[in-house]
Amino acid sequence: MERVVVVGLPEGLHARPAALFVQEAGRQPVPVRVARPGGAPVNAASILAVLTLDVSPGDEVVLSTTADGPQAQGALDQLEHLLHG
């Protein structure tokens, strides 16, 4: 399961917003990965991995999980909502 999200956070995924994103990803009941379109996915619960993506406001990212069902859908919903700002 995956979805493309346009990042609406004023700072993108840098410093504090990245820390909040990683914290929320770590709370999810399923593992979530994040990537730039066409790029290699990284663990969304790893601050170092997320920061290496260098995501700015307006950039697209791909949220994904290998899980299915309502928990997976809910995890992607939560993280998408956070990325919209």
N, C-alpha and C. Protein backbone atom coordinates (compact mmCIF):
# COMPACT_ATOMS: atom_id res chain seq x y z
N MET A 1 0.85 -1.15 0.00
CA MET A 1 0.00 0.00 0.00
C MET A 1 0.90 1.23 0.00
N GLU A 2 0.58 2.18 -0.87
CA GLU A 2 1.36 3.41 -0.89
C GLU A 2 0.51 4.57 -1.36
N ARG A 3 1.00 5.76 -1.06
CA ARG A 3 0.34 6.97 -1.56
C ARG A 3 1.36 8.09 -1.69
N VAL A 4 1.10 8.95 -2.67
CA VAL A 4 1.95 10.11 -2.92
C VAL A 4 1.34 11.30 -2.19
N VAL A 5 2.18 12.04 -1.47
CA VAL A 5 1.73 13.18 -0.68
C VAL A 5 2.60 14.39 -1.02
N VAL A 6 1.96 15.54 -1.19
CA VAL A 6 2.69 16.80 -1.36
C VAL A 6 2.90 17.38 0.04
N VAL A 7 4.14 17.67 0.37
CA VAL A 7 4.48 18.17 1.71
C VAL A 7 4.07 19.64 1.83
N GLY A 8 3.20 19.92 2.78
CA GLY A 8 2.72 21.27 2.99
C GLY A 8 3.34 21.96 4.19
N LEU A 9 4.25 21.30 4.87
CA LEU A 9 4.90 21.89 6.03
C LEU A 9 5.79 23.06 5.58
N PRO A 10 5.70 24.21 6.24
CA PRO A 10 6.50 25.37 5.83
C PRO A 10 8.01 25.12 5.80
N GLU A 11 8.51 24.23 6.67
CA GLU A 11 9.95 23.92 6.69
C GLU A 11 10.28 22.63 5.95
N GLY A 12 9.28 21.98 5.36
CA GLY A 12 9.52 20.68 4.75
C GLY A 12 9.78 19.66 5.86
N LEU A 13 10.56 18.66 5.56
CA LEU A 13 10.91 17.65 6.58
C LEU A 13 12.33 17.90 7.09
N HIS A 14 12.49 19.01 7.77
CA HIS A 14 13.78 19.38 8.34
C HIS A 14 13.59 19.65 9.83
N ALA A 15 14.58 19.34 10.61
CA ALA A 15 14.64 19.61 12.05
C ALA A 15 13.37 19.21 12.79
N ARG A 16 12.69 20.17 13.38
CA ARG A 16 11.53 19.88 14.24
C ARG A 16 10.40 19.14 13.51
N PRO A 17 9.98 19.57 12.31
CA PRO A 17 8.92 18.82 11.63
C PRO A 17 9.33 17.37 11.35
N ALA A 18 10.59 17.16 11.01
CA ALA A 18 11.06 15.79 10.76
C ALA A 18 11.01 14.97 12.04
N ALA A 19 11.38 15.58 13.15
CA ALA A 19 11.34 14.87 14.43
C ALA A 19 9.91 14.47 14.79
N LEU A 20 8.95 15.36 14.56
CA LEU A 20 7.54 15.05 14.83
C LEU A 20 7.03 13.95 13.91
N PHE A 21 7.43 14.01 12.63
CA PHE A 21 7.04 12.99 11.66
C PHE A 21 7.59 11.62 12.07
N VAL A 22 8.85 11.57 12.44
CA VAL A 22 9.50 10.32 12.84
C VAL A 22 8.85 9.76 14.11
N GLN A 23 8.56 10.63 15.04
CA GLN A 23 7.90 10.21 16.28
C GLN A 23 6.54 9.59 15.98
N GLU A 24 5.76 10.23 15.11
CA GLU A 24 4.44 9.70 14.75
C GLU A 24 4.58 8.39 13.99
N ALA A 25 5.56 8.29 13.10
CA ALA A 25 5.78 7.05 12.35
C ALA A 25 6.11 5.91 13.30
N GLY A 26 6.88 6.19 14.34
CA GLY A 26 7.25 5.17 15.32
C GLY A 26 6.08 4.69 16.16
N ARG A 27 5.04 5.49 16.26
CA ARG A 27 3.85 5.11 17.03
C ARG A 27 2.89 4.22 16.25
N GLN A 28 3.08 4.13 14.97
CA GLN A 28 2.14 3.38 14.14
C GLN A 28 2.26 1.88 14.38
N PRO A 29 1.15 1.16 14.25
CA PRO A 29 1.17 -0.29 14.49
C PRO A 29 1.78 -1.10 13.34
N VAL A 30 2.09 -0.42 12.24
CA VAL A 30 2.71 -1.09 11.09
C VAL A 30 3.95 -0.30 10.68
N PRO A 31 4.95 -0.95 10.09
CA PRO A 31 6.13 -0.22 9.64
C PRO A 31 5.80 0.62 8.40
N VAL A 32 6.28 1.85 8.40
CA VAL A 32 6.04 2.76 7.27
C VAL A 32 7.38 3.22 6.72
N ARG A 33 7.43 3.34 5.40
CA ARG A 33 8.62 3.84 4.72
C ARG A 33 8.24 5.11 3.97
N VAL A 34 9.24 5.94 3.70
CA VAL A 34 9.02 7.18 2.97
C VAL A 34 10.13 7.32 1.94
N ALA A 35 9.78 7.90 0.79
CA ALA A 35 10.76 8.07 -0.29
C ALA A 35 10.39 9.27 -1.13
N ARG A 36 11.34 9.73 -1.89
CA ARG A 36 11.03 10.68 -2.97
C ARG A 36 10.56 9.82 -4.14
N PRO A 37 9.66 10.34 -4.98
CA PRO A 37 9.21 9.55 -6.12
C PRO A 37 10.40 9.03 -6.94
N GLY A 38 10.40 7.75 -7.18
CA GLY A 38 11.48 7.12 -7.94
C GLY A 38 12.72 6.81 -7.13
N GLY A 39 12.73 7.21 -5.85
CA GLY A 39 13.90 6.97 -5.00
C GLY A 39 13.72 5.76 -4.12
N ALA A 40 14.77 5.41 -3.44
CA ALA A 40 14.74 4.27 -2.53
C ALA A 40 14.01 4.65 -1.24
N PRO A 41 13.08 3.81 -0.79
CA PRO A 41 12.37 4.12 0.45
C PRO A 41 13.27 3.93 1.68
N VAL A 42 13.00 4.76 2.69
CA VAL A 42 13.74 4.67 3.96
C VAL A 42 12.74 4.49 5.09
N ASN A 43 13.23 4.05 6.22
CA ASN A 43 12.40 3.84 7.41
C ASN A 43 11.88 5.20 7.89
N ALA A 44 10.55 5.37 7.91
CA ALA A 44 9.95 6.64 8.33
C ALA A 44 10.15 6.91 9.81
N ALA A 45 10.55 5.91 10.59
CA ALA A 45 10.77 6.09 12.03
C ALA A 45 12.23 6.38 12.36
N SER A 46 13.05 6.64 11.35
CA SER A 46 14.47 6.94 11.56
C SER A 46 14.76 8.39 11.19
N ILE A 47 15.12 9.20 12.17
CA ILE A 47 15.38 10.62 11.92
C ILE A 47 16.51 10.82 10.91
N LEU A 48 17.58 10.05 11.03
CA LEU A 48 18.68 10.21 10.08
C LEU A 48 18.26 9.87 8.66
N ALA A 49 17.50 8.80 8.52
CA ALA A 49 17.04 8.40 7.18
C ALA A 49 16.12 9.46 6.58
N VAL A 50 15.21 9.97 7.37
CA VAL A 50 14.25 10.98 6.87
C VAL A 50 14.98 12.27 6.49
N LEU A 51 15.93 12.69 7.30
CA LEU A 51 16.66 13.92 7.00
C LEU A 51 17.48 13.80 5.71
N THR A 52 17.96 12.59 5.39
CA THR A 52 18.75 12.42 4.16
C THR A 52 17.91 12.64 2.91
N LEU A 53 16.58 12.58 3.03
CA LEU A 53 15.71 12.81 1.87
C LEU A 53 15.69 14.28 1.46
N ASP A 54 16.04 15.18 2.38
CA ASP A 54 16.11 16.62 2.09
C ASP A 54 14.82 17.12 1.43
N VAL A 55 13.70 16.92 2.12
CA VAL A 55 12.38 17.26 1.59
C VAL A 55 12.02 18.71 1.93
N SER A 56 11.70 19.48 0.92
CA SER A 56 11.31 20.89 1.07
C SER A 56 9.81 21.04 0.90
N PRO A 57 9.26 22.20 1.29
CA PRO A 57 7.82 22.43 1.10
C PRO A 57 7.46 22.31 -0.39
N GLY A 58 6.35 21.64 -0.66
CA GLY A 58 5.90 21.46 -2.03
C GLY A 58 6.44 20.22 -2.71
N ASP A 59 7.44 19.57 -2.11
CA ASP A 59 7.98 18.33 -2.67
C ASP A 59 6.98 17.20 -2.48
N GLU A 60 7.04 16.23 -3.36
CA GLU A 60 6.24 15.01 -3.21
C GLU A 60 7.07 13.95 -2.51
N VAL A 61 6.39 13.18 -1.66
CA VAL A 61 7.00 11.99 -1.06
C VAL A 61 6.03 10.83 -1.23
N VAL A 62 6.56 9.63 -1.18
CA VAL A 62 5.75 8.43 -1.26
C VAL A 62 5.79 7.74 0.10
N LEU A 63 4.62 7.62 0.72
CA LEU A 63 4.49 6.87 1.97
C LEU A 63 4.09 5.45 1.60
N SER A 64 4.69 4.44 2.22
CA SER A 64 4.34 3.07 1.87
C SER A 64 4.46 2.15 3.08
N THR A 65 3.74 1.04 2.99
CA THR A 65 3.83 -0.02 3.98
C THR A 65 3.53 -1.34 3.28
N THR A 66 4.13 -2.40 3.76
CA THR A 66 3.85 -3.71 3.19
C THR A 66 2.61 -4.33 3.83
N ALA A 67 2.12 -3.70 4.89
CA ALA A 67 0.93 -4.19 5.58
C ALA A 67 -0.33 -3.83 4.78
N ASP A 68 -1.41 -4.54 5.08
CA ASP A 68 -2.71 -4.26 4.48
C ASP A 68 -3.73 -4.05 5.59
N GLY A 69 -4.89 -3.59 5.20
CA GLY A 69 -5.99 -3.49 6.15
C GLY A 69 -6.11 -2.13 6.79
N PRO A 70 -7.04 -2.04 7.75
CA PRO A 70 -7.35 -0.76 8.37
C PRO A 70 -6.18 -0.13 9.14
N GLN A 71 -5.34 -0.95 9.76
CA GLN A 71 -4.20 -0.39 10.48
C GLN A 71 -3.22 0.28 9.52
N ALA A 72 -2.99 -0.35 8.38
CA ALA A 72 -2.09 0.23 7.39
C ALA A 72 -2.68 1.51 6.82
N GLN A 73 -3.95 1.49 6.50
CA GLN A 73 -4.64 2.67 5.98
C GLN A 73 -4.57 3.81 7.00
N GLY A 74 -4.84 3.48 8.27
CA GLY A 74 -4.80 4.48 9.33
C GLY A 74 -3.42 5.08 9.52
N ALA A 75 -2.39 4.26 9.43
CA ALA A 75 -1.02 4.75 9.58
C ALA A 75 -0.69 5.75 8.48
N LEU A 76 -1.03 5.40 7.24
CA LEU A 76 -0.75 6.33 6.14
C LEU A 76 -1.59 7.59 6.26
N ASP A 77 -2.84 7.46 6.72
CA ASP A 77 -3.70 8.63 6.93
C ASP A 77 -3.07 9.59 7.94
N GLN A 78 -2.62 9.04 9.07
CA GLN A 78 -2.01 9.87 10.13
C GLN A 78 -0.79 10.62 9.62
N LEU A 79 0.07 9.92 8.91
CA LEU A 79 1.30 10.55 8.44
C LEU A 79 1.03 11.54 7.32
N GLU A 80 0.07 11.23 6.45
CA GLU A 80 -0.29 12.17 5.40
C GLU A 80 -0.82 13.47 6.02
N HIS A 81 -1.69 13.33 7.01
CA HIS A 81 -2.26 14.50 7.67
C HIS A 81 -1.14 15.37 8.27
N LEU A 82 -0.17 14.74 8.89
CA LEU A 82 0.95 15.46 9.49
C LEU A 82 1.77 16.20 8.42
N LEU A 83 1.96 15.59 7.27
CA LEU A 83 2.75 16.20 6.21
C LEU A 83 2.06 17.39 5.55
N HIS A 84 0.74 17.43 5.64
CA HIS A 84 0.00 18.55 5.06
C HIS A 84 0.18 19.83 5.87
N GLY A 85 0.55 19.68 7.13
CA GLY A 85 0.80 20.84 7.97
C GLY A 85 -0.40 21.37 8.58
